[in-house]
Amino acid sequence: VYVDQQVCIGCGLCVSILPGLFRLNADGVSE
């Protein structure tokens, strides 16, 4: 799985669905 961090707005939906796979980094975007 890939997250385009240039496009990500940091809404956190992915983190809420799969916190074991996604997290918000120090810049506030998903990784």
Full PDB file with SEQRES, HELIX, SHEET, SSBOND, CRYST1, ORIGX, SCALE, CONECT and MASTER records, all heavy atoms in Angstrom:
SEQRES   1 A   31  VAL TYR VAL ASP GLN GLN VAL CYS ILE GLY CYS GLY LEU          
SEQRES   2 A   31  CYS VAL SER ILE LEU PRO GLY LEU PHE ARG LEU ASN ALA          
SEQRES   3 A   31  ASP GLY VAL SER GLU                                          
HELIX    1 AA1 LEU A   13  ILE A   17  1                                   5    
CRYST1    1.000    1.000    1.000  90.00  90.00  90.00 P 1           1          
ORIGX1      1.000000  0.000000  0.000000        0.00000                         
ORIGX2      0.000000  1.000000  0.000000        0.00000                         
ORIGX3      0.000000  0.000000  1.000000        0.00000                         
SCALE1      1.000000  0.000000  0.000000        0.00000                         
SCALE2      0.000000  1.000000  0.000000        0.00000                         
SCALE3      0.000000  0.000000  1.000000        0.00000                         
ATOM      1  N   VAL A   1       0.852  -1.176   0.000  1.00  0.00           N  
ATOM      2  CA  VAL A   1       0.000   0.000   0.000  1.00  0.00           C  
ATOM      3  C   VAL A   1       0.894   1.234   0.000  1.00  0.00           C  
ATOM      4  O   VAL A   1       1.947   1.257   0.635  1.00  0.00           O  
ATOM      5  CB  VAL A   1      -0.899   0.018   1.256  1.00  0.00           C  
ATOM      6  CG1 VAL A   1      -1.809   1.218   1.253  1.00  0.00           C  
ATOM      7  CG2 VAL A   1      -1.706  -1.251   1.340  1.00  0.00           C  
ATOM      8  N   TYR A   2       0.459   2.243  -0.711  1.00  0.00           N  
ATOM      9  CA  TYR A   2       1.222   3.476  -0.857  1.00  0.00           C  
ATOM     10  C   TYR A   2       0.332   4.655  -0.509  1.00  0.00           C  
ATOM     11  O   TYR A   2      -0.843   4.677  -0.868  1.00  0.00           O  
ATOM     12  CB  TYR A   2       1.706   3.603  -2.301  1.00  0.00           C  
ATOM     13  CG  TYR A   2       2.281   4.941  -2.654  1.00  0.00           C  
ATOM     14  CD1 TYR A   2       3.560   5.296  -2.249  1.00  0.00           C  
ATOM     15  CD2 TYR A   2       1.537   5.864  -3.379  1.00  0.00           C  
ATOM     16  CE1 TYR A   2       4.086   6.535  -2.566  1.00  0.00           C  
ATOM     17  CE2 TYR A   2       2.063   7.098  -3.704  1.00  0.00           C  
ATOM     18  CZ  TYR A   2       3.339   7.423  -3.286  1.00  0.00           C  
ATOM     19  OH  TYR A   2       3.854   8.652  -3.601  1.00  0.00           O  
ATOM     20  N   VAL A   3       0.878   5.638   0.215  1.00  0.00           N  
ATOM     21  CA  VAL A   3       0.182   6.893   0.482  1.00  0.00           C  
ATOM     22  C   VAL A   3       0.957   8.010  -0.205  1.00  0.00           C  
ATOM     23  O   VAL A   3       2.152   8.198   0.061  1.00  0.00           O  
ATOM     24  CB  VAL A   3       0.083   7.203   1.998  1.00  0.00           C  
ATOM     25  CG1 VAL A   3      -0.543   8.563   2.234  1.00  0.00           C  
ATOM     26  CG2 VAL A   3      -0.706   6.126   2.722  1.00  0.00           C  
ATOM     27  N   ASP A   4       0.299   8.741  -1.074  1.00  0.00           N  
ATOM     28  CA  ASP A   4       0.915   9.906  -1.711  1.00  0.00           C  
ATOM     29  C   ASP A   4       0.830  11.061  -0.721  1.00  0.00           C  
ATOM     30  O   ASP A   4      -0.208  11.704  -0.564  1.00  0.00           O  
ATOM     31  CB  ASP A   4       0.188  10.254  -3.003  1.00  0.00           C  
ATOM     32  CG  ASP A   4       0.860  11.379  -3.778  1.00  0.00           C  
ATOM     33  OD1 ASP A   4       1.659  12.138  -3.175  1.00  0.00           O  
ATOM     34  OD2 ASP A   4       0.566  11.514  -4.975  1.00  0.00           O  
ATOM     35  N   GLN A   5       1.912  11.299  -0.021  1.00  0.00           N  
ATOM     36  CA  GLN A   5       1.926  12.298   1.048  1.00  0.00           C  
ATOM     37  C   GLN A   5       1.829  13.725   0.524  1.00  0.00           C  
ATOM     38  O   GLN A   5       1.509  14.634   1.281  1.00  0.00           O  
ATOM     39  CB  GLN A   5       3.167  12.111   1.913  1.00  0.00           C  
ATOM     40  CG  GLN A   5       3.108  10.790   2.652  1.00  0.00           C  
ATOM     41  CD  GLN A   5       4.309  10.558   3.535  1.00  0.00           C  
ATOM     42  OE1 GLN A   5       5.392  11.109   3.316  1.00  0.00           O  
ATOM     43  NE2 GLN A   5       4.125   9.729   4.551  1.00  0.00           N  
ATOM     44  N   GLN A   6       2.063  13.924  -0.758  1.00  0.00           N  
ATOM     45  CA  GLN A   6       1.900  15.249  -1.348  1.00  0.00           C  
ATOM     46  C   GLN A   6       0.427  15.602  -1.515  1.00  0.00           C  
ATOM     47  O   GLN A   6       0.065  16.771  -1.595  1.00  0.00           O  
ATOM     48  CB  GLN A   6       2.607  15.323  -2.709  1.00  0.00           C  
ATOM     49  CG  GLN A   6       4.090  15.073  -2.651  1.00  0.00           C  
ATOM     50  CD  GLN A   6       4.820  16.119  -1.820  1.00  0.00           C  
ATOM     51  OE1 GLN A   6       4.541  17.299  -1.914  1.00  0.00           O  
ATOM     52  NE2 GLN A   6       5.736  15.671  -0.980  1.00  0.00           N  
ATOM     53  N   VAL A   7      -0.430  14.578  -1.560  1.00  0.00           N  
ATOM     54  CA  VAL A   7      -1.863  14.772  -1.759  1.00  0.00           C  
ATOM     55  C   VAL A   7      -2.635  14.652  -0.443  1.00  0.00           C  
ATOM     56  O   VAL A   7      -3.661  15.298  -0.249  1.00  0.00           O  
ATOM     57  CB  VAL A   7      -2.402  13.753  -2.793  1.00  0.00           C  
ATOM     58  CG1 VAL A   7      -3.904  13.872  -2.970  1.00  0.00           C  
ATOM     59  CG2 VAL A   7      -1.693  13.930  -4.133  1.00  0.00           C  
ATOM     60  N   CYS A   8      -2.143  13.860   0.477  1.00  0.00           N  
ATOM     61  CA  CYS A   8      -2.824  13.592   1.749  1.00  0.00           C  
ATOM     62  C   CYS A   8      -3.129  14.884   2.506  1.00  0.00           C  
ATOM     63  O   CYS A   8      -2.280  15.769   2.604  1.00  0.00           O  
ATOM     64  CB  CYS A   8      -1.975  12.672   2.615  1.00  0.00           C  
ATOM     65  SG  CYS A   8      -2.724  12.257   4.204  1.00  0.00           S  
ATOM     66  N   ILE A   9      -4.365  14.952   3.049  1.00  0.00           N  
ATOM     67  CA  ILE A   9      -4.772  16.126   3.838  1.00  0.00           C  
ATOM     68  C   ILE A   9      -4.784  15.829   5.337  1.00  0.00           C  
ATOM     69  O   ILE A   9      -5.152  16.679   6.135  1.00  0.00           O  
ATOM     70  CB  ILE A   9      -6.147  16.658   3.385  1.00  0.00           C  
ATOM     71  CG1 ILE A   9      -7.233  15.581   3.535  1.00  0.00           C  
ATOM     72  CG2 ILE A   9      -6.062  17.187   1.951  1.00  0.00           C  
ATOM     73  CD1 ILE A   9      -8.651  16.080   3.290  1.00  0.00           C  
ATOM     74  N   GLY A  10      -4.402  14.623   5.725  1.00  0.00           N  
ATOM     75  CA  GLY A  10      -4.299  14.272   7.134  1.00  0.00           C  
ATOM     76  C   GLY A  10      -5.629  14.143   7.848  1.00  0.00           C  
ATOM     77  O   GLY A  10      -5.713  14.410   9.043  1.00  0.00           O  
ATOM     78  N   CYS A  11      -6.665  13.712   7.147  1.00  0.00           N  
ATOM     79  CA  CYS A  11      -7.990  13.605   7.770  1.00  0.00           C  
ATOM     80  C   CYS A  11      -8.053  12.491   8.808  1.00  0.00           C  
ATOM     81  O   CYS A  11      -8.858  12.547   9.728  1.00  0.00           O  
ATOM     82  CB  CYS A  11      -9.075  13.427   6.715  1.00  0.00           C  
ATOM     83  SG  CYS A  11      -9.115  11.786   5.971  1.00  0.00           S  
ATOM     84  N   GLY A  12      -7.228  11.460   8.670  1.00  0.00           N  
ATOM     85  CA  GLY A  12      -7.153  10.390   9.651  1.00  0.00           C  
ATOM     86  C   GLY A  12      -8.134   9.248   9.469  1.00  0.00           C  
ATOM     87  O   GLY A  12      -8.180   8.342  10.302  1.00  0.00           O  
ATOM     88  N   LEU A  13      -8.922   9.246   8.393  1.00  0.00           N  
ATOM     89  CA  LEU A  13      -9.857   8.133   8.176  1.00  0.00           C  
ATOM     90  C   LEU A  13      -9.128   6.802   8.063  1.00  0.00           C  
ATOM     91  O   LEU A  13      -9.563   5.804   8.632  1.00  0.00           O  
ATOM     92  CB  LEU A  13     -10.703   8.370   6.927  1.00  0.00           C  
ATOM     93  CG  LEU A  13     -11.870   9.323   7.070  1.00  0.00           C  
ATOM     94  CD1 LEU A  13     -12.513   9.576   5.711  1.00  0.00           C  
ATOM     95  CD2 LEU A  13     -12.893   8.776   8.036  1.00  0.00           C  
ATOM     96  N   CYS A  14      -8.038   6.775   7.339  1.00  0.00           N  
ATOM     97  CA  CYS A  14      -7.297   5.530   7.174  1.00  0.00           C  
ATOM     98  C   CYS A  14      -6.754   5.028   8.514  1.00  0.00           C  
ATOM     99  O   CYS A  14      -6.770   3.837   8.798  1.00  0.00           O  
ATOM    100  CB  CYS A  14      -6.178   5.684   6.151  1.00  0.00           C  
ATOM    101  SG  CYS A  14      -4.986   6.972   6.537  1.00  0.00           S  
ATOM    102  N   VAL A  15      -6.318   5.957   9.336  1.00  0.00           N  
ATOM    103  CA  VAL A  15      -5.804   5.600  10.657  1.00  0.00           C  
ATOM    104  C   VAL A  15      -6.921   5.018  11.517  1.00  0.00           C  
ATOM    105  O   VAL A  15      -6.716   4.041  12.245  1.00  0.00           O  
ATOM    106  CB  VAL A  15      -5.157   6.819  11.354  1.00  0.00           C  
ATOM    107  CG1 VAL A  15      -4.682   6.459  12.750  1.00  0.00           C  
ATOM    108  CG2 VAL A  15      -4.005   7.369  10.524  1.00  0.00           C  
ATOM    109  N   SER A  16      -8.108   5.596  11.431  1.00  0.00           N  
ATOM    110  CA  SER A  16      -9.222   5.082  12.223  1.00  0.00           C  
ATOM    111  C   SER A  16      -9.674   3.710  11.736  1.00  0.00           C  
ATOM    112  O   SER A  16     -10.141   2.896  12.526  1.00  0.00           O  
ATOM    113  CB  SER A  16     -10.390   6.068  12.223  1.00  0.00           C  
ATOM    114  OG  SER A  16     -10.980   6.174  10.950  1.00  0.00           O  
ATOM    115  N   ILE A  17      -9.519   3.427  10.450  1.00  0.00           N  
ATOM    116  CA  ILE A  17      -9.905   2.126   9.904  1.00  0.00           C  
ATOM    117  C   ILE A  17      -8.846   1.068  10.207  1.00  0.00           C  
ATOM    118  O   ILE A  17      -9.172  -0.046  10.604  1.00  0.00           O  
ATOM    119  CB  ILE A  17     -10.153   2.236   8.379  1.00  0.00           C  
ATOM    120  CG1 ILE A  17     -11.384   3.114   8.121  1.00  0.00           C  
ATOM    121  CG2 ILE A  17     -10.329   0.852   7.743  1.00  0.00           C  
ATOM    122  CD1 ILE A  17     -11.579   3.523   6.670  1.00  0.00           C  
ATOM    123  N   LEU A  18      -7.578   1.421  10.036  1.00  0.00           N  
ATOM    124  CA  LEU A  18      -6.481   0.472  10.233  1.00  0.00           C  
ATOM    125  C   LEU A  18      -5.304   1.127  10.963  1.00  0.00           C  
ATOM    126  O   LEU A  18      -4.271   1.436  10.355  1.00  0.00           O  
ATOM    127  CB  LEU A  18      -5.993  -0.062   8.888  1.00  0.00           C  
ATOM    128  CG  LEU A  18      -6.663  -1.306   8.355  1.00  0.00           C  
ATOM    129  CD1 LEU A  18      -6.181  -1.612   6.947  1.00  0.00           C  
ATOM    130  CD2 LEU A  18      -6.418  -2.491   9.256  1.00  0.00           C  
ATOM    131  N   PRO A  19      -5.434   1.332  12.267  1.00  0.00           N  
ATOM    132  CA  PRO A  19      -4.340   1.982  12.999  1.00  0.00           C  
ATOM    133  C   PRO A  19      -3.053   1.167  13.031  1.00  0.00           C  
ATOM    134  O   PRO A  19      -1.981   1.713  13.282  1.00  0.00           O  
ATOM    135  CB  PRO A  19      -4.912   2.173  14.401  1.00  0.00           C  
ATOM    136  CG  PRO A  19      -6.025   1.195  14.508  1.00  0.00           C  
ATOM    137  CD  PRO A  19      -6.571   1.008  13.114  1.00  0.00           C  
ATOM    138  N   GLY A  20      -3.135  -0.127  12.755  1.00  0.00           N  
ATOM    139  CA  GLY A  20      -1.938  -0.945  12.705  1.00  0.00           C  
ATOM    140  C   GLY A  20      -1.168  -0.814  11.412  1.00  0.00           C  
ATOM    141  O   GLY A  20      -0.041  -1.268  11.299  1.00  0.00           O  
ATOM    142  N   LEU A  21      -1.776  -0.169  10.423  1.00  0.00           N  
ATOM    143  CA  LEU A  21      -1.133  -0.028   9.118  1.00  0.00           C  
ATOM    144  C   LEU A  21      -0.829   1.426   8.777  1.00  0.00           C  
ATOM    145  O   LEU A  21       0.184   1.719   8.152  1.00  0.00           O  
ATOM    146  CB  LEU A  21      -2.021  -0.630   8.024  1.00  0.00           C  
ATOM    147  CG  LEU A  21      -1.484  -0.574   6.598  1.00  0.00           C  
ATOM    148  CD1 LEU A  21      -0.224  -1.416   6.455  1.00  0.00           C  
ATOM    149  CD2 LEU A  21      -2.530  -1.044   5.612  1.00  0.00           C  
ATOM    150  N   PHE A  22      -1.717   2.329   9.190  1.00  0.00           N  
ATOM    151  CA  PHE A  22      -1.546   3.744   8.879  1.00  0.00           C  
ATOM    152  C   PHE A  22      -1.331   4.538  10.160  1.00  0.00           C  
ATOM    153  O   PHE A  22      -1.841   4.186  11.219  1.00  0.00           O  
ATOM    154  CB  PHE A  22      -2.794   4.308   8.179  1.00  0.00           C  
ATOM    155  CG  PHE A  22      -3.114   3.648   6.875  1.00  0.00           C  
ATOM    156  CD1 PHE A  22      -4.098   2.686   6.788  1.00  0.00           C  
ATOM    157  CD2 PHE A  22      -2.427   3.993   5.718  1.00  0.00           C  
ATOM    158  CE1 PHE A  22      -4.410   2.068   5.583  1.00  0.00           C  
ATOM    159  CE2 PHE A  22      -2.726   3.381   4.510  1.00  0.00           C  
ATOM    160  CZ  PHE A  22      -3.712   2.423   4.439  1.00  0.00           C  
ATOM    161  N   ARG A  23      -0.584   5.613  10.051  1.00  0.00           N  
ATOM    162  CA  ARG A  23      -0.432   6.561  11.149  1.00  0.00           C  
ATOM    163  C   ARG A  23      -0.171   7.934  10.557  1.00  0.00           C  
ATOM    164  O   ARG A  23       0.260   8.059   9.404  1.00  0.00           O  
ATOM    165  CB  ARG A  23       0.696   6.158  12.082  1.00  0.00           C  
ATOM    166  CG  ARG A  23       2.064   6.184  11.449  1.00  0.00           C  
ATOM    167  CD  ARG A  23       3.135   5.773  12.436  1.00  0.00           C  
ATOM    168  NE  ARG A  23       4.397   5.555  11.730  1.00  0.00           N  
ATOM    169  CZ  ARG A  23       5.358   4.778  12.162  1.00  0.00           C  
ATOM    170  NH1 ARG A  23       5.227   4.136  13.295  1.00  0.00           N  
ATOM    171  NH2 ARG A  23       6.464   4.626  11.469  1.00  0.00           N  
ATOM    172  N   LEU A  24      -0.447   8.964  11.351  1.00  0.00           N  
ATOM    173  CA  LEU A  24      -0.124  10.320  10.925  1.00  0.00           C  
ATOM    174  C   LEU A  24       1.295  10.618  11.381  1.00  0.00           C  
ATOM    175  O   LEU A  24       1.653  10.393  12.537  1.00  0.00           O  
ATOM    176  CB  LEU A  24      -1.112  11.333  11.513  1.00  0.00           C  
ATOM    177  CG  LEU A  24      -2.565  11.175  11.056  1.00  0.00           C  
ATOM    178  CD1 LEU A  24      -3.433  12.257  11.695  1.00  0.00           C  
ATOM    179  CD2 LEU A  24      -2.691  11.226   9.545  1.00  0.00           C  
ATOM    180  N   ASN A  25       2.106  11.125  10.474  1.00  0.00           N  
ATOM    181  CA  ASN A  25       3.497  11.407  10.812  1.00  0.00           C  
ATOM    182  C   ASN A  25       3.641  12.806  11.424  1.00  0.00           C  
ATOM    183  O   ASN A  25       2.646  13.491  11.675  1.00  0.00           O  
ATOM    184  CB  ASN A  25       4.405  11.226   9.588  1.00  0.00           C  
ATOM    185  CG  ASN A  25       4.134  12.213   8.482  1.00  0.00           C  
ATOM    186  OD1 ASN A  25       3.541  13.273   8.677  1.00  0.00           O  
ATOM    187  ND2 ASN A  25       4.582  11.883   7.276  1.00  0.00           N  
ATOM    188  N   ALA A  26       4.852  13.237  11.649  1.00  0.00           N  
ATOM    189  CA  ALA A  26       5.122  14.528  12.282  1.00  0.00           C  
ATOM    190  C   ALA A  26       4.602  15.704  11.468  1.00  0.00           C  
ATOM    191  O   ALA A  26       4.314  16.769  12.019  1.00  0.00           O  
ATOM    192  CB  ALA A  26       6.625  14.684  12.521  1.00  0.00           C  
ATOM    193  N   ASP A  27       4.437  15.508  10.154  1.00  0.00           N  
ATOM    194  CA  ASP A  27       3.903  16.561   9.290  1.00  0.00           C  
ATOM    195  C   ASP A  27       2.374  16.550   9.245  1.00  0.00           C  
ATOM    196  O   ASP A  27       1.768  17.375   8.561  1.00  0.00           O  
ATOM    197  CB  ASP A  27       4.445  16.415   7.867  1.00  0.00           C  
ATOM    198  CG  ASP A  27       5.950  16.644   7.798  1.00  0.00           C  
ATOM    199  OD1 ASP A  27       6.459  17.500   8.552  1.00  0.00           O  
ATOM    200  OD2 ASP A  27       6.612  15.963   6.985  1.00  0.00           O  
ATOM    201  N   GLY A  28       1.759  15.587   9.952  1.00  0.00           N  
ATOM    202  CA  GLY A  28       0.313  15.513  10.012  1.00  0.00           C  
ATOM    203  C   GLY A  28      -0.347  14.826   8.827  1.00  0.00           C  
ATOM    204  O   GLY A  28      -1.545  14.962   8.617  1.00  0.00           O  
ATOM    205  N   VAL A  29       0.448  14.094   8.045  1.00  0.00           N  
ATOM    206  CA  VAL A  29      -0.113  13.349   6.916  1.00  0.00           C  
ATOM    207  C   VAL A  29       0.092  11.855   7.150  1.00  0.00           C  
ATOM    208  O   VAL A  29       0.952  11.435   7.918  1.00  0.00           O  
ATOM    209  CB  VAL A  29       0.498  13.787   5.567  1.00  0.00           C  
ATOM    210  CG1 VAL A  29       0.129  15.223   5.249  1.00  0.00           C  
ATOM    211  CG2 VAL A  29       1.989  13.591   5.532  1.00  0.00           C  
ATOM    212  N   SER A  30      -0.708  11.071   6.474  1.00  0.00           N  
ATOM    213  CA  SER A  30      -0.678   9.626   6.666  1.00  0.00           C  
ATOM    214  C   SER A  30       0.573   9.007   6.072  1.00  0.00           C  
ATOM    215  O   SER A  30       1.108   9.467   5.063  1.00  0.00           O  
ATOM    216  CB  SER A  30      -1.921   9.015   6.010  1.00  0.00           C  
ATOM    217  OG  SER A  30      -1.929   7.625   6.202  1.00  0.00           O  
ATOM    218  N   GLU A  31       1.002   7.937   6.725  1.00  0.00           N  
ATOM    219  CA  GLU A  31       2.081   7.114   6.197  1.00  0.00           C  
ATOM    220  C   GLU A  31       1.774   5.665   6.522  1.00  0.00           C  
ATOM    221  O   GLU A  31       1.022   5.368   7.449  1.00  0.00           O  
ATOM    222  CB  GLU A  31       3.439   7.522   6.762  1.00  0.00           C  
ATOM    223  CG  GLU A  31       3.601   7.286   8.246  1.00  0.00           C  
ATOM    224  CD  GLU A  31       4.952   7.746   8.776  1.00  0.00           C  
ATOM    225  OE1 GLU A  31       5.685   8.432   8.056  1.00  0.00           O  
ATOM    226  OE2 GLU A  31       5.260   7.405   9.932  1.00  0.00           O  
TER     227      GLU A  31                                                      
MASTER        0    0    0    1    0    0    0    6  226    1    0    3          
END                                                                             
